[in-house]
């Protein structure tokens, strides 16, 4: 027997320092990936909320525009009837 440490199978094929370093690097990359995915999910959630709010505002504006357009057409029709002028149709 030789004195000192006897080489194990893991040391003969792959040095222990390399194995520990590789395992640490893989573990850190998974940790960073998890953090990135978590942040991405939060950003997507905020973006969805913003889009929903924008869609609601757009729908409200479209409703307001429709009401205003109806009122203008009614006023023009009444004005045309009062003055006996032909009613012109606006393109939509």
PDB file of N, CA and C in Angstrom:
ATOM      1  N   UNK A   1       0.824  -1.175   0.000  1.00  0.00           N
ATOM      2  CA  UNK A   1       0.000   0.000   0.000  1.00  0.00           C
ATOM      3  C   UNK A   1       0.869   1.238   0.000  1.00  0.00           C
ATOM      4  N   UNK A   2       0.411   2.194  -0.720  1.00  0.00           N
ATOM      5  CA  UNK A   2       1.145   3.449  -0.726  1.00  0.00           C
ATOM      6  C   UNK A   2       0.592   4.327   0.378  1.00  0.00           C
ATOM      7  N   UNK A   3       1.467   5.123   0.871  1.00  0.00           N
ATOM      8  CA  UNK A   3       1.034   6.020   1.928  1.00  0.00           C
ATOM      9  C   UNK A   3       0.313   7.216   1.323  1.00  0.00           C
ATOM     10  N   UNK A   4      -0.560   7.795   2.088  1.00  0.00           N
ATOM     11  CA  UNK A   4      -1.319   8.944   1.607  1.00  0.00           C
ATOM     12  C   UNK A   4      -2.682   8.519   1.102  1.00  0.00           C
ATOM     13  N   UNK A   5      -3.182   9.283   0.253  1.00  0.00           N
ATOM     14  CA  UNK A   5      -4.539   9.076  -0.244  1.00  0.00           C
ATOM     15  C   UNK A   5      -4.537   8.113  -1.419  1.00  0.00           C
ATOM     16  N   UNK A   6      -5.463   7.213  -1.410  1.00  0.00           N
ATOM     17  CA  UNK A   6      -5.588   6.306  -2.552  1.00  0.00           C
ATOM     18  C   UNK A   6      -6.590   6.932  -3.520  1.00  0.00           C
ATOM     19  N   UNK A   7      -6.291   6.892  -4.801  1.00  0.00           N
ATOM     20  CA  UNK A   7      -7.199   7.520  -5.757  1.00  0.00           C
ATOM     21  C   UNK A   7      -8.518   6.757  -5.849  1.00  0.00           C
ATOM     22  N   UNK A   8      -9.584   7.498  -5.831  1.00  0.00           N
ATOM     23  CA  UNK A   8     -10.916   6.906  -5.976  1.00  0.00           C
ATOM     24  C   UNK A   8     -11.266   6.909  -7.461  1.00  0.00           C
ATOM     25  N   UNK A   9     -12.354   6.248  -7.785  1.00  0.00           N
ATOM     26  CA  UNK A   9     -12.750   6.153  -9.188  1.00  0.00           C
ATOM     27  C   UNK A   9     -13.109   7.529  -9.741  1.00  0.00           C
ATOM     28  N   UNK A  10     -13.777   8.339  -8.935  1.00  0.00           N
ATOM     29  CA  UNK A  10     -14.175   9.659  -9.418  1.00  0.00           C
ATOM     30  C   UNK A  10     -12.961  10.536  -9.680  1.00  0.00           C
ATOM     31  N   UNK A  11     -11.924  10.403  -8.860  1.00  0.00           N
ATOM     32  CA  UNK A  11     -10.724  11.201  -9.076  1.00  0.00           C
ATOM     33  C   UNK A  11      -9.944  10.726 -10.290  1.00  0.00           C
ATOM     34  N   UNK A  12     -10.024   9.453 -10.593  1.00  0.00           N
ATOM     35  CA  UNK A  12      -9.279   8.919 -11.728  1.00  0.00           C
ATOM     36  C   UNK A  12      -9.916   9.358 -13.042  1.00  0.00           C
ATOM     37  N   UNK A  13     -11.221   9.375 -13.126  1.00  0.00           N
ATOM     38  CA  UNK A  13     -11.901   9.731 -14.376  1.00  0.00           C
ATOM     39  C   UNK A  13     -12.072  11.243 -14.517  1.00  0.00           C
ATOM     40  N   UNK A  14     -12.516  11.893 -13.434  1.00  0.00           N
ATOM     41  CA  UNK A  14     -12.806  13.315 -13.455  1.00  0.00           C
ATOM     42  C   UNK A  14     -12.336  13.903 -12.130  1.00  0.00           C
ATOM     43  N   UNK A  15     -11.461  14.862 -12.174  1.00  0.00           N
ATOM     44  CA  UNK A  15     -10.976  15.433 -10.908  1.00  0.00           C
ATOM     45  C   UNK A  15     -12.140  15.994 -10.074  1.00  0.00           C
ATOM     46  N   UNK A  16     -12.056  15.823  -8.778  1.00  0.00           N
ATOM     47  CA  UNK A  16     -13.117  16.230  -7.870  1.00  0.00           C
ATOM     48  C   UNK A  16     -13.367  17.739  -7.948  1.00  0.00           C
ATOM     49  N   UNK A  17     -12.331  18.532  -8.121  1.00  0.00           N
ATOM     50  CA  UNK A  17     -12.502  19.986  -8.228  1.00  0.00           C
ATOM     51  C   UNK A  17     -13.336  20.349  -9.458  1.00  0.00           C
ATOM     52  N   UNK A  18     -13.105  19.664 -10.561  1.00  0.00           N
ATOM     53  CA  UNK A  18     -13.892  19.908 -11.767  1.00  0.00           C
ATOM     54  C   UNK A  18     -15.350  19.516 -11.544  1.00  0.00           C
ATOM     55  N   UNK A  19     -15.576  18.406 -10.885  1.00  0.00           N
ATOM     56  CA  UNK A  19     -16.929  17.939 -10.632  1.00  0.00           C
ATOM     57  C   UNK A  19     -17.685  18.927  -9.745  1.00  0.00           C
ATOM     58  N   UNK A  20     -17.031  19.405  -8.684  1.00  0.00           N
ATOM     59  CA  UNK A  20     -17.671  20.369  -7.792  1.00  0.00           C
ATOM     60  C   UNK A  20     -17.917  21.682  -8.531  1.00  0.00           C
ATOM     61  N   UNK A  21     -16.961  22.135  -9.293  1.00  0.00           N
ATOM     62  CA  UNK A  21     -17.117  23.380 -10.048  1.00  0.00           C
ATOM     63  C   UNK A  21     -18.232  23.288 -11.079  1.00  0.00           C
ATOM     64  N   UNK A  22     -18.307  22.178 -11.782  1.00  0.00           N
ATOM     65  CA  UNK A  22     -19.361  21.988 -12.787  1.00  0.00           C
ATOM     66  C   UNK A  22     -20.734  21.940 -12.129  1.00  0.00           C
ATOM     67  N   UNK A  23     -20.832  21.218 -11.014  1.00  0.00           N
ATOM     68  CA  UNK A  23     -22.109  21.132 -10.305  1.00  0.00           C
ATOM     69  C   UNK A  23     -22.528  22.516  -9.803  1.00  0.00           C
ATOM     70  N   UNK A  24     -21.593  23.292  -9.305  1.00  0.00           N
ATOM     71  CA  UNK A  24     -21.895  24.643  -8.831  1.00  0.00           C
ATOM     72  C   UNK A  24     -22.361  25.534  -9.980  1.00  0.00           C
ATOM     73  N   UNK A  25     -21.682  25.446 -11.109  1.00  0.00           N
ATOM     74  CA  UNK A  25     -22.054  26.263 -12.264  1.00  0.00           C
ATOM     75  C   UNK A  25     -23.446  25.900 -12.775  1.00  0.00           C
ATOM     76  N   UNK A  26     -23.755  24.625 -12.828  1.00  0.00           N
ATOM     77  CA  UNK A  26     -25.075  24.186 -13.285  1.00  0.00           C
ATOM     78  C   UNK A  26     -26.149  24.646 -12.308  1.00  0.00           C
ATOM     79  N   UNK A  27     -25.875  24.509 -11.019  1.00  0.00           N
ATOM     80  CA  UNK A  27     -26.835  24.938 -10.002  1.00  0.00           C
ATOM     81  C   UNK A  27     -27.067  26.442 -10.076  1.00  0.00           C
ATOM     82  N   UNK A  28     -26.034  27.224 -10.240  1.00  0.00           N
ATOM     83  CA  UNK A  28     -26.182  28.676 -10.338  1.00  0.00           C
ATOM     84  C   UNK A  28     -26.951  29.070 -11.596  1.00  0.00           C
ATOM     85  N   UNK A  29     -26.699  28.388 -12.711  1.00  0.00           N
ATOM     86  CA  UNK A  29     -27.409  28.723 -13.942  1.00  0.00           C
ATOM     87  C   UNK A  29     -28.900  28.415 -13.806  1.00  0.00           C
ATOM     88  N   UNK A  30     -29.255  27.317 -13.139  1.00  0.00           N
ATOM     89  CA  UNK A  30     -30.672  27.036 -12.899  1.00  0.00           C
ATOM     90  C   UNK A  30     -31.284  28.084 -11.983  1.00  0.00           C
ATOM     91  N   UNK A  31     -30.565  28.512 -10.985  1.00  0.00           N
ATOM     92  CA  UNK A  31     -31.061  29.552 -10.079  1.00  0.00           C
ATOM     93  C   UNK A  31     -31.298  30.868 -10.797  1.00  0.00           C
ATOM     94  N   UNK A  32     -30.356  31.265 -11.634  1.00  0.00           N
ATOM     95  CA  UNK A  32     -30.514  32.504 -12.400  1.00  0.00           C
ATOM     96  C   UNK A  32     -31.641  32.395 -13.415  1.00  0.00           C
ATOM     97  N   UNK A  33     -31.786  31.218 -14.017  1.00  0.00           N
ATOM     98  CA  UNK A  33     -32.871  31.001 -14.971  1.00  0.00           C
ATOM     99  C   UNK A  33     -34.217  31.089 -14.271  1.00  0.00           C
ATOM    100  N   UNK A  34     -34.328  30.532 -13.079  1.00  0.00           N
ATOM    101  CA  UNK A  34     -35.576  30.607 -12.318  1.00  0.00           C
ATOM    102  C   UNK A  34     -35.909  32.067 -12.001  1.00  0.00           C
ATOM    103  N   UNK A  35     -34.911  32.848 -11.609  1.00  0.00           N
ATOM    104  CA  UNK A  35     -35.131  34.259 -11.320  1.00  0.00           C
ATOM    105  C   UNK A  35     -35.567  35.027 -12.549  1.00  0.00           C
ATOM    106  N   UNK A  36     -34.985  34.714 -13.693  1.00  0.00           N
ATOM    107  CA  UNK A  36     -35.353  35.393 -14.940  1.00  0.00           C
ATOM    108  C   UNK A  36     -36.777  35.043 -15.362  1.00  0.00           C
ATOM    109  N   UNK A  37     -37.144  33.787 -15.234  1.00  0.00           N
ATOM    110  CA  UNK A  37     -38.491  33.365 -15.608  1.00  0.00           C
ATOM    111  C   UNK A  37     -39.517  33.984 -14.663  1.00  0.00           C
ATOM    112  N   UNK A  38     -39.187  34.057 -13.384  1.00  0.00           N
ATOM    113  CA  UNK A  38     -40.092  34.662 -12.411  1.00  0.00           C
ATOM    114  C   UNK A  38     -40.327  36.133 -12.747  1.00  0.00           C
ATOM    115  N   UNK A  39     -39.280  36.855 -13.061  1.00  0.00           N
ATOM    116  CA  UNK A  39     -39.402  38.272 -13.423  1.00  0.00           C
ATOM    117  C   UNK A  39     -40.192  38.432 -14.723  1.00  0.00           C
ATOM    118  N   UNK A  40     -39.963  37.529 -15.669  1.00  0.00           N
ATOM    119  CA  UNK A  40     -40.692  37.566 -16.938  1.00  0.00           C
ATOM    120  C   UNK A  40     -42.188  37.362 -16.712  1.00  0.00           C
ATOM    121  N   UNK A  41     -42.553  36.438 -15.833  1.00  0.00           N
ATOM    122  CA  UNK A  41     -43.963  36.204 -15.537  1.00  0.00           C
ATOM    123  C   UNK A  41     -44.602  37.436 -14.901  1.00  0.00           C
ATOM    124  N   UNK A  42     -43.881  38.116 -14.019  1.00  0.00           N
ATOM    125  CA  UNK A  42     -44.407  39.338 -13.422  1.00  0.00           C
ATOM    126  C   UNK A  42     -44.606  40.424 -14.476  1.00  0.00           C
ATOM    127  N   UNK A  43     -43.642  40.566 -15.370  1.00  0.00           N
ATOM    128  CA  UNK A  43     -43.751  41.574 -16.429  1.00  0.00           C
ATOM    129  C   UNK A  43     -44.924  41.284 -17.361  1.00  0.00           C
ATOM    130  N   UNK A  44     -45.121  40.020 -17.697  1.00  0.00           N
ATOM    131  CA  UNK A  44     -46.235  39.649 -18.576  1.00  0.00           C
ATOM    132  C   UNK A  44     -47.562  39.926 -17.877  1.00  0.00           C
ATOM    133  N   UNK A  45     -47.642  39.661 -16.574  1.00  0.00           N
ATOM    134  CA  UNK A  45     -48.861  39.959 -15.830  1.00  0.00           C
ATOM    135  C   UNK A  45     -49.174  41.440 -15.824  1.00  0.00           C
ATOM    136  N   UNK A  46     -48.154  42.267 -15.625  1.00  0.00           N
ATOM    137  CA  UNK A  46     -48.357  43.721 -15.662  1.00  0.00           C
ATOM    138  C   UNK A  46     -48.776  44.184 -17.055  1.00  0.00           C
ATOM    139  N   UNK A  47     -48.186  43.591 -18.075  1.00  0.00           N
ATOM    140  CA  UNK A  47     -48.528  43.952 -19.453  1.00  0.00           C
ATOM    141  C   UNK A  47     -49.974  43.575 -19.774  1.00  0.00           C
ATOM    142  N   UNK A  48     -50.412  42.412 -19.305  1.00  0.00           N
ATOM    143  CA  UNK A  48     -51.797  42.009 -19.539  1.00  0.00           C
ATOM    144  C   UNK A  48     -52.769  42.971 -18.863  1.00  0.00           C
ATOM    145  N   UNK A  49     -52.444  43.401 -17.652  1.00  0.00           N
ATOM    146  CA  UNK A  49     -53.308  44.357 -16.950  1.00  0.00           C
ATOM    147  C   UNK A  49     -53.377  45.669 -17.718  1.00  0.00           C
ATOM    148  N   UNK A  50     -52.251  46.119 -18.248  1.00  0.00           N
ATOM    149  CA  UNK A  50     -52.222  47.368 -19.018  1.00  0.00           C
ATOM    150  C   UNK A  50     -53.045  47.245 -20.297  1.00  0.00           C
ATOM    151  N   UNK A  51     -52.946  46.108 -20.959  1.00  0.00           N
ATOM    152  CA  UNK A  51     -53.704  45.893 -22.202  1.00  0.00           C
ATOM    153  C   UNK A  51     -55.197  45.858 -21.906  1.00  0.00           C
ATOM    154  N   UNK A  52     -55.584  45.187 -20.825  1.00  0.00           N
ATOM    155  CA  UNK A  52     -57.009  45.146 -20.466  1.00  0.00           C
ATOM    156  C   UNK A  52     -57.543  46.550 -20.183  1.00  0.00           C
ATOM    157  N   UNK A  53     -56.753  47.337 -19.478  1.00  0.00           N
ATOM    158  CA  UNK A  53     -57.172  48.702 -19.166  1.00  0.00           C
ATOM    159  C   UNK A  53     -57.295  49.520 -20.453  1.00  0.00           C
ATOM    160  N   UNK A  54     -56.343  49.358 -21.360  1.00  0.00           N
ATOM    161  CA  UNK A  54     -56.403  50.068 -22.642  1.00  0.00           C
ATOM    162  C   UNK A  54     -57.604  49.635 -23.468  1.00  0.00           C
ATOM    163  N   UNK A  55     -57.922  48.341 -23.454  1.00  0.00           N
ATOM    164  CA  UNK A  55     -59.095  47.863 -24.189  1.00  0.00           C
ATOM    165  C   UNK A  55     -60.377  48.450 -23.614  1.00  0.00           C
ATOM    166  N   UNK A  56     -60.459  48.542 -22.295  1.00  0.00           N
ATOM    167  CA  UNK A  56     -61.649  49.116 -21.666  1.00  0.00           C
ATOM    168  C   UNK A  56     -61.789  50.594 -22.030  1.00  0.00           C
ATOM    169  N   UNK A  57     -60.694  51.310 -22.029  1.00  0.00           N
ATOM    170  CA  UNK A  57     -60.737  52.729 -22.394  1.00  0.00           C
ATOM    171  C   UNK A  57     -61.128  52.908 -23.859  1.00  0.00           C
ATOM    172  N   UNK A  58     -60.618  52.059 -24.718  1.00  0.00           N
ATOM    173  CA  UNK A  58     -60.953  52.126 -26.141  1.00  0.00           C
ATOM    174  C   UNK A  58     -62.437  51.859 -26.359  1.00  0.00           C
ATOM    175  N   UNK A  59     -62.969  50.858 -25.663  1.00  0.00           N
ATOM    176  CA  UNK A  59     -64.396  50.550 -25.794  1.00  0.00           C
ATOM    177  C   UNK A  59     -65.244  51.720 -25.303  1.00  0.00           C
ATOM    178  N   UNK A  60     -64.844  52.350 -24.225  1.00  0.00           N
ATOM    179  CA  UNK A  60     -65.586  53.503 -23.707  1.00  0.00           C
ATOM    180  C   UNK A  60     -65.543  54.661 -24.695  1.00  0.00           C
ATOM    181  N   UNK A  61     -64.384  54.901 -25.293  1.00  0.00           N
ATOM    182  CA  UNK A  61     -64.275  55.979 -26.283  1.00  0.00           C
ATOM    183  C   UNK A  61     -65.110  55.694 -27.526  1.00  0.00           C
ATOM    184  N   UNK A  62     -65.139  54.441 -27.959  1.00  0.00           N
ATOM    185  CA  UNK A  62     -65.956  54.093 -29.122  1.00  0.00           C
ATOM    186  C   UNK A  62     -67.434  54.324 -28.841  1.00  0.00           C
ATOM    187  N   UNK A  63     -67.862  53.978 -27.632  1.00  0.00           N
ATOM    188  CA  UNK A  63     -69.256  54.230 -27.262  1.00  0.00           C
ATOM    189  C   UNK A  63     -69.573  55.710 -27.250  1.00  0.00           C
ATOM    190  N   UNK A  64     -68.674  56.503 -26.695  1.00  0.00           N
ATOM    191  CA  UNK A  64     -68.874  57.954 -26.661  1.00  0.00           C
ATOM    192  C   UNK A  64     -68.924  58.537 -28.070  1.00  0.00           C
ATOM    193  N   UNK A  65     -68.033  58.077 -28.930  1.00  0.00           N
ATOM    194  CA  UNK A  65     -68.038  58.560 -30.314  1.00  0.00           C
ATOM    195  C   UNK A  65     -69.330  58.189 -31.038  1.00  0.00           C
ATOM    196  N   UNK A  66     -69.842  57.002 -30.782  1.00  0.00           N
ATOM    197  CA  UNK A  66     -71.093  56.595 -31.427  1.00  0.00           C
ATOM    198  C   UNK A  66     -72.242  57.478 -30.981  1.00  0.00           C
ATOM    199  N   UNK A  67     -72.296  57.783 -29.684  1.00  0.00           N
ATOM    200  CA  UNK A  67     -73.360  58.649 -29.177  1.00  0.00           C
ATOM    201  C   UNK A  67     -73.240  60.045 -29.778  1.00  0.00           C
ATOM    202  N   UNK A  68     -72.025  60.575 -29.820  1.00  0.00           N
ATOM    203  CA  UNK A  68     -71.830  61.912 -30.394  1.00  0.00           C
ATOM    204  C   UNK A  68     -72.183  61.945 -31.875  1.00  0.00           C
ATOM    205  N   UNK A  69     -71.791  60.897 -32.595  1.00  0.00           N
ATOM    206  CA  UNK A  69     -72.113  60.852 -34.020  1.00  0.00           C
ATOM    207  C   UNK A  69     -73.628  60.791 -34.224  1.00  0.00           C
ATOM    208  N   UNK A  70     -74.320  60.028 -33.399  1.00  0.00           N
ATOM    209  CA  UNK A  70     -75.790  59.965 -33.499  1.00  0.00           C
ATOM    210  C   UNK A  70     -76.408  61.333 -33.220  1.00  0.00           C
ATOM    211  N   UNK A  71     -75.913  62.019 -32.222  1.00  0.00           N
ATOM    212  CA  UNK A  71     -76.447  63.339 -31.880  1.00  0.00           C
ATOM    213  C   UNK A  71     -76.218  64.336 -33.012  1.00  0.00           C
ATOM    214  N   UNK A  72     -75.034  64.306 -33.605  1.00  0.00           N
ATOM    215  CA  UNK A  72     -74.726  65.228 -34.717  1.00  0.00           C
ATOM    216  C   UNK A  72     -75.629  64.933 -35.906  1.00  0.00           C
ATOM    217  N   UNK A  73     -75.825  63.647 -36.224  1.00  0.00           N
ATOM    218  CA  UNK A  73     -76.693  63.296 -37.355  1.00  0.00           C
ATOM    219  C   UNK A  73     -78.127  63.733 -37.083  1.00  0.00           C
ATOM    220  N   UNK A  74     -78.578  63.582 -35.843  1.00  0.00           N
ATOM    221  CA  UNK A  74     -79.930  64.014 -35.489  1.00  0.00           C
ATOM    222  C   UNK A  74     -80.069  65.527 -35.618  1.00  0.00           C
ATOM    223  N   UNK A  75     -79.083  66.257 -35.132  1.00  0.00           N
ATOM    224  CA  UNK A  75     -79.119  67.717 -35.248  1.00  0.00           C
ATOM    225  C   UNK A  75     -79.098  68.156 -36.706  1.00  0.00           C
ATOM    226  N   UNK A  76     -78.267  67.516 -37.534  1.00  0.00           N
ATOM    227  CA  UNK A  76     -78.205  67.874 -38.948  1.00  0.00           C
ATOM    228  C   UNK A  76     -79.516  67.555 -39.648  1.00  0.00           C
ATOM    229  N   UNK A  77     -80.134  66.437 -39.284  1.00  0.00           N
ATOM    230  CA  UNK A  77     -81.399  66.062 -39.891  1.00  0.00           C
ATOM    231  C   UNK A  77     -82.487  67.080 -39.513  1.00  0.00           C
ATOM    232  N   UNK A  78     -82.500  67.471 -38.236  1.00  0.00           N
ATOM    233  CA  UNK A  78     -83.482  68.473 -37.796  1.00  0.00           C
ATOM    234  C   UNK A  78     -83.235  69.820 -38.464  1.00  0.00           C
ATOM    235  N   UNK A  79     -81.979  70.191 -38.609  1.00  0.00           N
ATOM    236  CA  UNK A  79     -81.648  71.450 -39.269  1.00  0.00           C
ATOM    237  C   UNK A  79     -82.050  71.417 -40.737  1.00  0.00           C
ATOM    238  N   UNK A  80     -81.832  70.270 -41.389  1.00  0.00           N
ATOM    239  CA  UNK A  80     -82.192  70.140 -42.795  1.00  0.00           C
ATOM    240  C   UNK A  80     -83.701  70.200 -42.967  1.00  0.00           C
ATOM    241  N   UNK A  81     -84.442  69.597 -42.047  1.00  0.00           N
ATOM    242  CA  UNK A  81     -85.898  69.644 -42.137  1.00  0.00           C
ATOM    243  C   UNK A  81     -86.411  71.065 -41.901  1.00  0.00           C
ATOM    244  N   UNK A  82     -85.764  71.791 -41.005  1.00  0.00           N
ATOM    245  CA  UNK A  82     -86.190  73.159 -40.708  1.00  0.00           C
ATOM    246  C   UNK A  82     -85.910  74.087 -41.885  1.00  0.00           C
ATOM    247  N   UNK A  83     -84.859  73.841 -42.622  1.00  0.00           N
ATOM    248  CA  UNK A  83     -84.480  74.721 -43.735  1.00  0.00           C
ATOM    249  C   UNK A  83     -84.870  74.139 -45.088  1.00  0.00           C
ATOM    250  N   UNK A  84     -85.490  72.940 -45.100  1.00  0.00           N
ATOM    251  CA  UNK A  84     -85.889  72.247 -46.334  1.00  0.00           C
ATOM    252  C   UNK A  84     -84.695  71.991 -47.251  1.00  0.00           C
ATOM    253  N   UNK A  85     -83.548  71.725 -46.662  1.00  0.00           N
ATOM    254  CA  UNK A  85     -82.343  71.396 -47.446  1.00  0.00           C
ATOM    255  C   UNK A  85     -82.165  69.894 -47.435  1.00  0.00           C
ATOM    256  N   UNK A  86     -81.523  69.335 -48.489  1.00  0.00           N
ATOM    257  CA  UNK A  86     -81.314  67.880 -48.506  1.00  0.00           C
ATOM    258  C   UNK A  86     -80.290  67.471 -47.430  1.00  0.00           C
ATOM    259  N   UNK A  87     -80.501  66.290 -46.879  1.00  0.00           N
ATOM    260  CA  UNK A  87     -79.613  65.752 -45.859  1.00  0.00           C
ATOM    261  C   UNK A  87     -78.483  64.996 -46.547  1.00  0.00           C
ATOM    262  N   UNK A  88     -77.260  65.336 -46.217  1.00  0.00           N
ATOM    263  CA  UNK A  88     -76.119  64.635 -46.799  1.00  0.00           C
ATOM    264  C   UNK A  88     -75.657  63.561 -45.832  1.00  0.00           C
ATOM    265  N   UNK A  89     -75.292  62.422 -46.407  1.00  0.00           N
ATOM    266  CA  UNK A  89     -74.806  61.312 -45.595  1.00  0.00           C
ATOM    267  C   UNK A  89     -73.290  61.367 -45.494  1.00  0.00           C
ATOM    268  N   UNK A  90     -72.799  61.210 -44.306  1.00  0.00           N
ATOM    269  CA  UNK A  90     -71.347  61.181 -44.113  1.00  0.00           C
ATOM    270  C   UNK A  90     -70.841  59.751 -44.268  1.00  0.00           C
ATOM    271  N   UNK A  91     -69.661  59.606 -44.819  1.00  0.00           N
ATOM    272  CA  UNK A  91     -69.092  58.257 -44.879  1.00  0.00           C
ATOM    273  C   UNK A  91     -68.709  57.787 -43.478  1.00  0.00           C
ATOM    274  N   UNK A  92     -68.859  56.529 -43.217  1.00  0.00           N
ATOM    275  CA  UNK A  92     -68.537  55.983 -41.892  1.00  0.00           C
ATOM    276  C   UNK A  92     -67.184  55.358 -41.891  1.00  0.00           C
TER     277      UNK A  92
END
